[in-house]
């Protein structure tokens, strides 16, 4: 059985990991919200514009401005929803997929340098934990902030 102290320790470790990943991720023209939005579109396909702002923690007007910039830069496209012509659907373009892949590759390369400094047993433990971390991430992605 988990204890509140264990949950707090996990939360603290994840906060530190998040900060560390942000620090080692090569800088790009994409903001964190833009990169996250493109990654969401790549992972789960086109979304209605009104569905994108909540998971990213921004207002709908801010998301509309972001999508306008992504569209201007050729990274995203807008269209009307076939089920409801009044609604706007946002998708990722090939250039957007390339931008996401480039960002991931840069982060993976930087992380590999750090991982290589760990003992083999630590690297193996991290790899062994990946399935559980993927399941946790799936739950986090499905959890809305209300």
Protein backbone atom coordinates (compact mmCIF):
# COMPACT_ATOMS: atom_id res chain seq x y z
CA UNK A 1 0.00 0.00 0.00
CA UNK A 2 1.27 3.45 -0.94
CA UNK A 3 1.76 6.13 1.64
CA UNK A 4 1.29 9.88 1.26
CA UNK A 5 5.06 10.24 1.64
CA UNK A 6 5.64 7.91 -1.33
CA UNK A 7 3.16 9.87 -3.45
CA UNK A 8 4.89 13.12 -2.49
CA UNK A 9 8.29 11.63 -3.32
CA UNK A 10 7.03 10.53 -6.75
CA UNK A 11 5.55 13.97 -7.40
CA UNK A 12 8.78 15.69 -6.37
CA UNK A 13 10.88 13.40 -8.56
CA UNK A 14 8.60 14.01 -11.55
CA UNK A 15 8.81 17.78 -11.01
CA UNK A 16 12.59 17.56 -11.01
CA UNK A 17 12.59 15.31 -14.11
CA UNK A 18 10.31 17.74 -15.93
CA UNK A 19 12.60 20.65 -15.07
CA UNK A 20 15.66 18.65 -16.10
CA UNK A 21 14.14 17.63 -19.43
CA UNK A 22 13.22 21.24 -20.14
CA UNK A 23 16.80 22.25 -19.35
CA UNK A 24 18.41 19.72 -21.70
CA UNK A 25 15.90 20.01 -24.56
CA UNK A 26 17.56 22.02 -27.33
CA UNK A 27 15.93 25.40 -27.80
CA UNK A 28 13.68 25.78 -30.80
CA UNK A 29 11.31 28.33 -32.22
CA UNK A 30 8.42 26.37 -30.70
CA UNK A 31 7.08 27.32 -27.30
CA UNK A 32 6.36 24.49 -24.88
CA UNK A 33 2.62 24.90 -25.53
CA UNK A 34 3.13 24.85 -29.30
CA UNK A 35 5.32 21.75 -29.09
CA UNK A 36 2.85 20.03 -26.78
CA UNK A 37 -0.10 20.90 -29.02
CA UNK A 38 1.68 19.58 -32.12
CA UNK A 39 2.66 16.41 -30.26
CA UNK A 40 -0.98 15.91 -29.22
CA UNK A 41 -2.16 16.35 -32.82
CA UNK A 42 0.50 13.93 -34.03
CA UNK A 43 -0.35 11.35 -31.37
CA UNK A 44 -4.14 11.43 -31.51
CA UNK A 45 -5.05 13.05 -34.81
CA UNK A 46 -7.09 16.15 -35.63
CA UNK A 47 -9.00 17.84 -32.81
CA UNK A 48 -11.66 20.48 -32.65
CA UNK A 49 -10.08 23.78 -31.75
CA UNK A 50 -12.28 24.00 -28.65
CA UNK A 51 -10.84 20.67 -27.39
CA UNK A 52 -7.21 21.79 -27.46
CA UNK A 53 -7.06 24.62 -24.94
CA UNK A 54 -8.05 22.69 -21.79
CA UNK A 55 -5.38 19.98 -21.89
CA UNK A 56 -2.74 22.61 -22.64
CA UNK A 57 -3.82 24.82 -19.75
CA UNK A 58 -4.50 27.93 -21.83
CA UNK A 59 -7.62 29.91 -22.66
CA UNK A 60 -9.51 29.29 -25.88
CA UNK A 61 -8.49 32.72 -27.29
CA UNK A 62 -4.83 31.91 -26.54
CA UNK A 63 -5.17 28.54 -28.30
CA UNK A 64 -6.82 30.25 -31.28
CA UNK A 65 -3.83 32.61 -31.51
CA UNK A 66 -1.40 29.69 -31.18
CA UNK A 67 -3.15 27.71 -33.93
CA UNK A 68 -3.11 30.80 -36.14
CA UNK A 69 0.69 31.03 -35.69
CA UNK A 70 1.15 27.28 -36.26
CA UNK A 71 -0.95 27.51 -39.42
CA UNK A 72 0.98 30.58 -40.62
CA UNK A 73 4.24 28.66 -40.08
CA UNK A 74 2.91 25.65 -41.99
CA UNK A 75 2.95 23.35 -38.95
CA UNK A 76 -0.81 22.92 -38.54
CA UNK A 77 -3.88 23.17 -40.73
CA UNK A 78 -7.46 24.17 -40.07
CA UNK A 79 -10.61 22.86 -41.63
CA UNK A 80 -14.27 22.53 -40.88
CA UNK A 81 -15.55 19.57 -38.91
CA UNK A 82 -17.36 17.17 -41.28
CA UNK A 83 -19.85 16.42 -38.49
CA UNK A 84 -20.51 20.11 -37.76
CA UNK A 85 -19.48 22.66 -40.37
CA UNK A 86 -19.53 25.43 -37.75
CA UNK A 87 -16.71 23.82 -35.77
CA UNK A 88 -13.02 24.20 -36.62
CA UNK A 89 -10.79 21.11 -36.74
CA UNK A 90 -7.02 21.44 -36.37
CA UNK A 91 -4.58 18.90 -37.77
CA UNK A 92 -0.82 18.59 -38.01
CA UNK A 93 1.00 19.02 -41.33
CA UNK A 94 4.06 17.13 -42.55
CA UNK A 95 6.18 20.13 -41.55
CA UNK A 96 4.61 19.96 -38.08
CA UNK A 97 5.47 16.26 -37.83
CA UNK A 98 9.04 17.08 -38.85
CA UNK A 99 9.25 19.78 -36.16
CA UNK A 100 8.00 17.33 -33.50
CA UNK A 101 10.45 14.65 -34.67
CA UNK A 102 13.36 17.12 -34.66
CA UNK A 103 12.52 18.27 -31.13
CA UNK A 104 12.25 14.67 -29.89
CA UNK A 105 15.52 13.68 -31.56
CA UNK A 106 17.34 16.61 -29.97
CA UNK A 107 15.97 15.75 -26.56
CA UNK A 108 16.78 12.05 -26.99
CA UNK A 109 20.36 12.87 -27.96
CA UNK A 110 20.81 15.17 -24.98
CA UNK A 111 19.20 12.65 -22.62
CA UNK A 112 21.38 9.82 -23.97
CA UNK A 113 24.47 11.78 -22.91
CA UNK A 114 23.11 12.02 -19.36
CA UNK A 115 21.87 8.41 -19.24
CA UNK A 116 25.30 7.17 -20.31
CA UNK A 117 26.75 8.67 -17.12
CA UNK A 118 24.52 6.44 -14.97
CA UNK A 119 25.54 2.96 -13.84
CA UNK A 120 24.18 0.15 -16.02
CA UNK A 121 21.90 -1.03 -13.18
CA UNK A 122 20.25 2.40 -13.00
CA UNK A 123 19.73 2.51 -16.77
CA UNK A 124 18.22 -0.99 -16.67
CA UNK A 125 15.88 0.05 -13.83
CA UNK A 126 14.72 3.07 -15.82
CA UNK A 127 14.05 0.92 -18.90
CA UNK A 128 12.21 -1.66 -16.76
CA UNK A 129 9.97 1.11 -15.38
CA UNK A 130 8.96 2.41 -18.84
CA UNK A 131 5.79 0.28 -19.21
CA UNK A 132 4.45 1.48 -15.84
CA UNK A 133 5.42 5.07 -16.68
CA UNK A 134 3.63 4.78 -20.04
CA UNK A 135 0.47 3.60 -18.27
CA UNK A 136 0.75 6.48 -15.80
CA UNK A 137 1.21 8.92 -18.66
CA UNK A 138 -1.88 7.54 -20.41
CA UNK A 139 -3.87 8.19 -17.23
CA UNK A 140 -2.43 11.68 -16.94
CA UNK A 141 -3.30 12.45 -20.57
CA UNK A 142 -6.90 11.34 -19.94
CA UNK A 143 -7.25 13.39 -16.75
CA UNK A 144 -8.73 16.83 -17.18
CA UNK A 145 -8.09 19.80 -14.93
CA UNK A 146 -11.53 21.08 -13.96
